[in-house]
C-alpha atoms as a PDB file:
ATOM      1  CA  MET A   1     133.599 125.411 160.895  1.00  0.00           C
ATOM      2  CA  ALA A   2     136.400 126.693 158.418  1.00  0.00           C
ATOM      3  CA  GLN A   3     133.245 127.003 155.958  1.00  0.00           C
ATOM      4  CA  ILE A   4     131.549 128.955 157.942  1.00  0.00           C
ATOM      5  CA  THR A   5     134.599 131.120 159.222  1.00  0.00           C
ATOM      6  CA  GLU A   6     135.779 131.978 155.368  1.00  0.00           C
ATOM      7  CA  ARG A   7     131.991 132.812 155.050  1.00  0.00           C
ATOM      8  CA  GLY A   8     131.800 135.077 157.852  1.00  0.00           C
ATOM      9  CA  LEU A   9     134.789 136.874 156.299  1.00  0.00           C
ATOM     10  CA  ARG A  10     133.634 137.498 152.756  1.00  0.00           C
ATOM     11  CA  ALA A  11     130.319 138.926 153.904  1.00  0.00           C
ATOM     12  CA  LEU A  12     132.949 141.325 155.782  1.00  0.00           C
ATOM     13  CA  VAL A  13     134.667 142.460 152.991  1.00  0.00           C
ATOM     14  CA  ALA A  14     131.708 142.148 151.033  1.00  0.00           C
ATOM     15  CA  ASP A  15     129.634 144.590 153.440  1.00  0.00           C
ATOM     16  CA  TRP A  16     132.966 147.387 153.986  1.00  0.00           C
ATOM     17  CA  SER A  17     133.343 147.486 150.503  1.00  0.00           C
ATOM     18  CA  ALA A  18     129.726 148.410 149.459  1.00  0.00           C
ATOM     19  CA  ASP A  19     130.260 151.347 151.941  1.00  0.00           C
ATOM     20  CA  LEU A  20     133.376 152.784 150.110  1.00  0.00           C
ATOM     21  CA  ARG A  21     131.441 152.329 147.214  1.00  0.00           C
ATOM     22  CA  ALA A  22     128.246 154.059 148.582  1.00  0.00           C
ATOM     23  CA  PHE A  23     129.808 156.927 150.407  1.00  0.00           C
ATOM     24  CA  ARG A  24     132.658 157.046 147.369  1.00  0.00           C
ATOM     25  CA  VAL A  25     135.541 157.792 150.028  1.00  0.00           C
ATOM     26  CA  SER A  26     138.597 156.033 150.783  1.00  0.00           C
ATOM     27  CA  TRP A  27     139.505 154.671 153.859  1.00  0.00           C
ATOM     28  CA  GLY A  28     142.213 157.442 154.190  1.00  0.00           C
ATOM     29  CA  LYS A  29     140.213 159.802 154.041  1.00  0.00           C
ATOM     30  CA  ALA A  30     137.843 158.980 155.929  1.00  0.00           C
ATOM     31  CA  MET A  31     139.935 157.754 159.285  1.00  0.00           C
ATOM     32  CA  MET A  32     141.673 162.068 158.554  1.00  0.00           C
ATOM     33  CA  TRP A  33     137.825 162.886 158.985  1.00  0.00           C
ATOM     34  CA  ILE A  34     137.499 160.839 161.996  1.00  0.00           C
ATOM     35  CA  PHE A  35     140.284 161.728 163.570  1.00  0.00           C
ATOM     36  CA  LEU A  36     139.451 166.205 162.477  1.00  0.00           C
ATOM     37  CA  VAL A  37     136.702 165.424 164.381  1.00  0.00           C
ATOM     38  CA  SER A  38     137.892 163.683 167.829  1.00  0.00           C
ATOM     39  CA  ASP A  39     140.232 165.992 167.844  1.00  0.00           C
ATOM     40  CA  SER A  40     137.827 168.637 167.436  1.00  0.00           C
ATOM     41  CA  PHE A  41     136.400 168.139 170.715  1.00  0.00           C
ATOM     42  CA  ILE A  42     139.278 168.386 172.910  1.00  0.00           C
ATOM     43  CA  PHE A  43     139.768 171.339 170.824  1.00  0.00           C
ATOM     44  CA  GLY A  44     136.484 171.922 171.898  1.00  0.00           C
ATOM     45  CA  SER A  45     136.688 170.592 175.281  1.00  0.00           C
ATOM     46  CA  PHE A  46     139.824 173.477 176.011  1.00  0.00           C
ATOM     47  CA  LEU A  47     138.019 175.981 174.938  1.00  0.00           C
ATOM     48  CA  THR A  48     134.816 175.932 176.986  1.00  0.00           C
ATOM     49  CA  GLY A  49     137.033 175.495 180.139  1.00  0.00           C
ATOM     50  CA  TYR A  50     139.309 178.811 178.983  1.00  0.00           C
ATOM     51  CA  MET A  51     136.171 180.541 179.357  1.00  0.00           C
ATOM     52  CA  ALA A  52     134.381 178.595 182.248  1.00  0.00           C
ATOM     53  CA  ALA A  53     137.379 179.949 184.338  1.00  0.00           C
ATOM     54  CA  ARG A  54     137.384 183.370 182.429  1.00  0.00           C
ATOM     55  CA  MET A  55     134.293 184.012 183.744  1.00  0.00           C
ATOM     56  CA  SER A  56     134.506 182.661 187.087  1.00  0.00           C
ATOM     57  CA  THR A  57     137.430 183.605 188.498  1.00  0.00           C
ATOM     58  CA  THR A  58     137.081 187.027 190.783  1.00  0.00           C
ATOM     59  CA  VAL A  59     140.400 187.723 190.200  1.00  0.00           C
ATOM     60  CA  PRO A  60     141.175 190.467 187.257  1.00  0.00           C
ATOM     61  CA  TRP A  61     142.175 188.984 184.530  1.00  0.00           C
ATOM     62  CA  PRO A  62     145.929 190.259 182.602  1.00  0.00           C
ATOM     63  CA  ASP A  63     145.105 192.539 179.748  1.00  0.00           C
ATOM     64  CA  THR A  64     145.793 190.841 177.150  1.00  0.00           C
ATOM     65  CA  GLY A  65     146.719 193.134 174.745  1.00  0.00           C
ATOM     66  CA  GLU A  66     149.493 194.672 176.981  1.00  0.00           C
ATOM     67  CA  VAL A  67     150.339 191.109 177.756  1.00  0.00           C
ATOM     68  CA  PHE A  68     150.862 190.761 173.847  1.00  0.00           C
ATOM     69  CA  ALA A  69     152.686 194.001 173.363  1.00  0.00           C
ATOM     70  CA  LEU A  70     155.554 194.450 171.494  1.00  0.00           C
ATOM     71  CA  HIS A  71     157.551 197.447 172.451  1.00  0.00           C
ATOM     72  CA  ILE A  72     158.626 198.675 168.313  1.00  0.00           C
ATOM     73  CA  ALA A  73     160.577 201.794 168.484  1.00  0.00           C
ATOM     74  CA  GLY A  74     159.577 203.194 171.390  1.00  0.00           C
ATOM     75  CA  GLU A  75     156.226 202.338 171.793  1.00  0.00           C
ATOM     76  CA  ASN A  76     154.017 199.330 172.764  1.00  0.00           C
ATOM     77  CA  ILE A  77     152.061 198.006 170.228  1.00  0.00           C
ATOM     78  CA  PRO A  78     149.194 195.267 170.948  1.00  0.00           C
ATOM     79  CA  LEU A  79     148.932 192.088 169.148  1.00  0.00           C
ATOM     80  CA  ILE A  80     151.479 193.275 166.307  1.00  0.00           C
ATOM     81  CA  LEU A  81     153.338 189.769 166.644  1.00  0.00           C
ATOM     82  CA  ILE A  82     149.808 186.950 167.292  1.00  0.00           C
ATOM     83  CA  ALA A  83     148.463 189.625 163.928  1.00  0.00           C
ATOM     84  CA  ILE A  84     151.407 188.872 162.301  1.00  0.00           C
ATOM     85  CA  MET A  85     151.344 185.284 163.393  1.00  0.00           C
ATOM     86  CA  THR A  86     147.897 184.648 162.096  1.00  0.00           C
ATOM     87  CA  PHE A  87     148.590 185.746 159.314  1.00  0.00           C
ATOM     88  CA  ILE A  88     151.033 183.375 158.819  1.00  0.00           C
ATOM     89  CA  LEU A  89     149.094 180.058 159.577  1.00  0.00           C
ATOM     90  CA  ILE A  90     145.648 181.788 157.749  1.00  0.00           C
ATOM     91  CA  SER A  91     147.893 182.189 154.337  1.00  0.00           C
ATOM     92  CA  SER A  92     149.293 178.575 154.288  1.00  0.00           C
ATOM     93  CA  SER A  93     146.384 177.077 153.919  1.00  0.00           C
ATOM     94  CA  GLY A  94     146.482 179.078 150.514  1.00  0.00           C
ATOM     95  CA  THR A  95     149.801 177.191 149.711  1.00  0.00           C
ATOM     96  CA  MET A  96     148.036 173.985 150.947  1.00  0.00           C
ATOM     97  CA  ALA A  97     145.389 174.207 148.437  1.00  0.00           C
ATOM     98  CA  ILE A  98     147.708 174.875 145.930  1.00  0.00           C
ATOM     99  CA  ALA A  99     149.314 172.214 146.268  1.00  0.00           C
ATOM    100  CA  VAL A 100     146.665 169.700 146.508  1.00  0.00           C
ATOM    101  CA  ASN A 101     145.872 171.590 143.115  1.00  0.00           C
ATOM    102  CA  PHE A 102     149.207 170.236 141.881  1.00  0.00           C
ATOM    103  CA  ALA A 103     149.033 167.196 143.123  1.00  0.00           C
ATOM    104  CA  TYR A 104     145.855 166.456 141.324  1.00  0.00           C
ATOM    105  CA  ARG A 105     147.830 167.416 137.853  1.00  0.00           C
ATOM    106  CA  ARG A 106     150.155 165.335 138.791  1.00  0.00           C
ATOM    107  CA  GLU A 107     152.672 167.954 138.408  1.00  0.00           C
ATOM    108  CA  LYS A 108     155.230 166.772 140.967  1.00  0.00           C
ATOM    109  CA  ALA A 109     157.771 169.690 141.224  1.00  0.00           C
ATOM    110  CA  LYS A 110     155.027 172.625 142.284  1.00  0.00           C
ATOM    111  CA  THR A 111     153.495 170.125 144.449  1.00  0.00           C
ATOM    112  CA  ALA A 112     155.944 169.480 147.073  1.00  0.00           C
ATOM    113  CA  LEU A 113     157.357 173.542 146.055  1.00  0.00           C
ATOM    114  CA  PHE A 114     154.111 174.440 147.957  1.00  0.00           C
ATOM    115  CA  LEU A 115     154.131 171.465 150.613  1.00  0.00           C
ATOM    116  CA  LEU A 116     157.276 172.534 151.574  1.00  0.00           C
ATOM    117  CA  LEU A 117     156.553 176.371 151.445  1.00  0.00           C
ATOM    118  CA  THR A 118     153.976 175.609 153.415  1.00  0.00           C
ATOM    119  CA  ALA A 119     155.357 173.465 155.754  1.00  0.00           C
ATOM    120  CA  LEU A 120     158.143 176.950 155.645  1.00  0.00           C
ATOM    121  CA  LEU A 121     155.251 179.199 157.347  1.00  0.00           C
ATOM    122  CA  GLY A 122     154.283 176.422 159.288  1.00  0.00           C
ATOM    123  CA  ALA A 123     157.959 176.352 161.260  1.00  0.00           C
ATOM    124  CA  THR A 124     157.953 179.616 160.682  1.00  0.00           C
ATOM    125  CA  PHE A 125     154.805 180.425 163.043  1.00  0.00           C
ATOM    126  CA  VAL A 126     156.004 177.762 165.344  1.00  0.00           C
ATOM    127  CA  SER A 127     159.395 179.642 165.914  1.00  0.00           C
ATOM    128  CA  MET A 128     157.103 182.781 166.659  1.00  0.00           C
ATOM    129  CA  GLN A 129     155.306 180.671 169.017  1.00  0.00           C
ATOM    130  CA  ALA A 130     158.676 180.240 170.610  1.00  0.00           C
ATOM    131  CA  PHE A 131     159.126 183.801 170.909  1.00  0.00           C
ATOM    132  CA  GLU A 132     156.024 184.563 172.833  1.00  0.00           C
ATOM    133  CA  TRP A 133     156.423 181.900 175.151  1.00  0.00           C
ATOM    134  CA  THR A 134     160.000 183.148 176.607  1.00  0.00           C
ATOM    135  CA  LYS A 135     158.874 186.855 176.371  1.00  0.00           C
ATOM    136  CA  LEU A 136     156.145 185.441 178.363  1.00  0.00           C
ATOM    137  CA  ILE A 137     158.143 183.357 181.122  1.00  0.00           C
ATOM    138  CA  VAL A 138     161.163 185.263 180.899  1.00  0.00           C
ATOM    139  CA  SER A 139     160.298 188.487 181.057  1.00  0.00           C
ATOM    140  CA  GLU A 140     156.418 188.669 182.222  1.00  0.00           C
ATOM    141  CA  GLY A 141     157.173 185.972 185.138  1.00  0.00           C
ATOM    142  CA  VAL A 142     153.855 183.570 182.710  1.00  0.00           C
ATOM    143  CA  ARG A 143     153.734 180.177 184.825  1.00  0.00           C
ATOM    144  CA  PRO A 144     151.157 177.761 183.956  1.00  0.00           C
ATOM    145  CA  TRP A 145     150.152 177.864 187.645  1.00  0.00           C
ATOM    146  CA  GLY A 146     150.144 181.950 188.031  1.00  0.00           C
ATOM    147  CA  ASN A 147     151.045 185.267 186.601  1.00  0.00           C
ATOM    148  CA  PRO A 148     151.821 188.731 188.032  1.00  0.00           C
ATOM    149  CA  MET A 149     149.685 190.091 185.695  1.00  0.00           C
ATOM    150  CA  GLY A 150     145.941 188.948 187.463  1.00  0.00           C
ATOM    151  CA  ALA A 151     144.270 185.316 187.684  1.00  0.00           C
ATOM    152  CA  ALA A 152     146.603 182.475 187.794  1.00  0.00           C
ATOM    153  CA  GLN A 153     144.053 180.480 185.476  1.00  0.00           C
ATOM    154  CA  PHE A 154     145.343 182.963 182.956  1.00  0.00           C
ATOM    155  CA  GLY A 155     148.509 180.597 182.376  1.00  0.00           C
ATOM    156  CA  SER A 156     147.398 177.494 182.773  1.00  0.00           C
ATOM    157  CA  SER A 157     145.091 177.909 179.778  1.00  0.00           C
ATOM    158  CA  PHE A 158     147.001 180.372 177.506  1.00  0.00           C
ATOM    159  CA  PHE A 159     149.991 177.341 177.659  1.00  0.00           C
ATOM    160  CA  MET A 160     147.815 174.666 177.910  1.00  0.00           C
ATOM    161  CA  ILE A 161     145.773 176.274 174.502  1.00  0.00           C
ATOM    162  CA  THR A 162     148.557 177.360 172.335  1.00  0.00           C
ATOM    163  CA  GLY A 163     150.790 174.086 173.158  1.00  0.00           C
ATOM    164  CA  PHE A 164     148.163 171.346 172.222  1.00  0.00           C
ATOM    165  CA  HIS A 165     147.571 173.901 168.571  1.00  0.00           C
ATOM    166  CA  GLY A 166     151.913 174.626 168.624  1.00  0.00           C
ATOM    167  CA  LEU A 167     151.879 170.918 169.199  1.00  0.00           C
ATOM    168  CA  HIS A 168     149.013 169.746 165.644  1.00  0.00           C
ATOM    169  CA  VAL A 169     151.158 172.707 164.002  1.00  0.00           C
ATOM    170  CA  THR A 170     154.933 171.275 164.471  1.00  0.00           C
ATOM    171  CA  ALA A 171     153.177 167.558 163.528  1.00  0.00           C
ATOM    172  CA  GLY A 172     152.293 168.968 160.372  1.00  0.00           C
ATOM    173  CA  VAL A 173     155.204 170.861 159.778  1.00  0.00           C
ATOM    174  CA  ILE A 174     156.696 166.564 159.389  1.00  0.00           C
ATOM    175  CA  TYR A 175     153.845 165.383 157.886  1.00  0.00           C
ATOM    176  CA  LEU A 176     153.888 167.559 155.180  1.00  0.00           C
ATOM    177  CA  SER A 177     158.110 167.234 154.990  1.00  0.00           C
ATOM    178  CA  ILE A 178     157.004 163.815 154.296  1.00  0.00           C
ATOM    179  CA  THR A 179     154.756 163.770 152.275  1.00  0.00           C
ATOM    180  CA  ALA A 180     157.370 166.780 149.806  1.00  0.00           C
ATOM    181  CA  ALA A 181     160.139 163.902 149.820  1.00  0.00           C
ATOM    182  CA  GLN A 182     157.739 161.177 148.485  1.00  0.00           C
ATOM    183  CA  VAL A 183     155.847 163.176 145.720  1.00  0.00           C
ATOM    184  CA  LEU A 184     159.514 164.225 145.114  1.00  0.00           C
ATOM    185  CA  ARG A 185     160.797 160.179 145.324  1.00  0.00           C
ATOM    186  CA  GLY A 186     158.092 159.660 142.881  1.00  0.00           C
ATOM    187  CA  VAL A 187     155.890 157.422 144.741  1.00  0.00           C
ATOM    188  CA  PHE A 188     152.895 158.407 144.269  1.00  0.00           C
ATOM    189  CA  ASP A 189     153.350 158.219 140.762  1.00  0.00           C
ATOM    190  CA  ARG A 190     154.088 154.360 141.280  1.00  0.00           C
ATOM    191  CA  THR A 191     150.558 153.960 142.418  1.00  0.00           C
ATOM    192  CA  GLY A 192     148.528 156.153 140.703  1.00  0.00           C
ATOM    193  CA  ASN A 193     147.255 158.577 143.726  1.00  0.00           C
ATOM    194  CA  TYR A 194     148.087 161.541 145.024  1.00  0.00           C
ATOM    195  CA  GLN A 195     144.768 161.744 147.540  1.00  0.00           C
ATOM    196  CA  ARG A 196     147.608 161.393 150.153  1.00  0.00           C
ATOM    197  CA  VAL A 197     148.071 164.884 149.778  1.00  0.00           C
ATOM    198  CA  GLU A 198     144.276 166.121 149.770  1.00  0.00           C
ATOM    199  CA  ILE A 199     144.595 164.526 152.737  1.00  0.00           C
ATOM    200  CA  ALA A 200     147.736 165.861 154.406  1.00  0.00           C
ATOM    201  CA  GLY A 201     145.611 169.123 153.189  1.00  0.00           C
ATOM    202  CA  LEU A 202     142.408 168.149 155.324  1.00  0.00           C
ATOM    203  CA  TYR A 203     144.773 167.994 158.716  1.00  0.00           C
ATOM    204  CA  TRP A 204     146.600 171.580 157.175  1.00  0.00           C
ATOM    205  CA  HIS A 205     143.133 173.212 156.739  1.00  0.00           C
ATOM    206  CA  PHE A 206     141.472 171.894 160.004  1.00  0.00           C
ATOM    207  CA  VAL A 207     144.847 172.995 162.619  1.00  0.00           C
ATOM    208  CA  ASP A 208     144.119 176.430 160.892  1.00  0.00           C
ATOM    209  CA  LEU A 209     141.249 176.670 160.948  1.00  0.00           C
ATOM    210  CA  VAL A 210     141.403 175.764 165.446  1.00  0.00           C
ATOM    211  CA  TRP A 211     143.818 178.935 165.240  1.00  0.00           C
ATOM    212  CA  VAL A 212     140.715 181.167 163.971  1.00  0.00           C
ATOM    213  CA  PHE A 213     138.998 179.867 167.415  1.00  0.00           C
ATOM    214  CA  ILE A 214     141.828 180.631 169.375  1.00  0.00           C
ATOM    215  CA  PHE A 215     142.363 183.732 168.512  1.00  0.00           C
ATOM    216  CA  PRO A 216     139.383 185.954 169.315  1.00  0.00           C
ATOM    217  CA  PHE A 217     138.744 183.625 171.982  1.00  0.00           C
ATOM    218  CA  PHE A 218     141.667 184.260 174.094  1.00  0.00           C
ATOM    219  CA  TYR A 219     143.587 187.453 172.469  1.00  0.00           C
ATOM    220  CA  LEU A 220     140.880 189.651 172.041  1.00  0.00           C
ATOM    221  CA  TRP A 221     138.494 189.248 174.489  1.00  0.00           C
END
């Protein structure tokens, strides 16, 4: 019985290792791709639910250009904060790509620098989103169950979608900060494998890509 079990385990290991060689991808990268695909279904469900609520409501939907406007120099500038947030998050994809490039060159200091710069941009995005939430809750009276500007579904859709995305950005900031610390400590030098930086980059690019969909669907529609 023990011999049968041992042969079975050896066959299982051989089968899995054969797949690894066939697809030429590490388990870490494969698991991240699986996570991102599953996460994309969640975001897709949220956006689909938002579109269904938006099209089915009989109460006027608030004008996002007015709701998310900032009063600057005596003028209401529509979506200026959202535009800056979008620019910051898209720019962070560039710094993340540079970090991955330096990682494969084994340049520790530059890799950590651009990882931390990416994390800083992400933290700035989250801070601006917190300001946006505070403004809507305190100044505009928006709540998850209703708002004084129109359809009640607006509040629930906004807090659910942007909150879930903001949680991902916050997790990414922590993830990148930890990865930068590991780079500086030489963790990846000892293993000779900087692929963890690339895997972190996959997550961050996904977070940025999701925002590219949220921005037009929620703020421009």
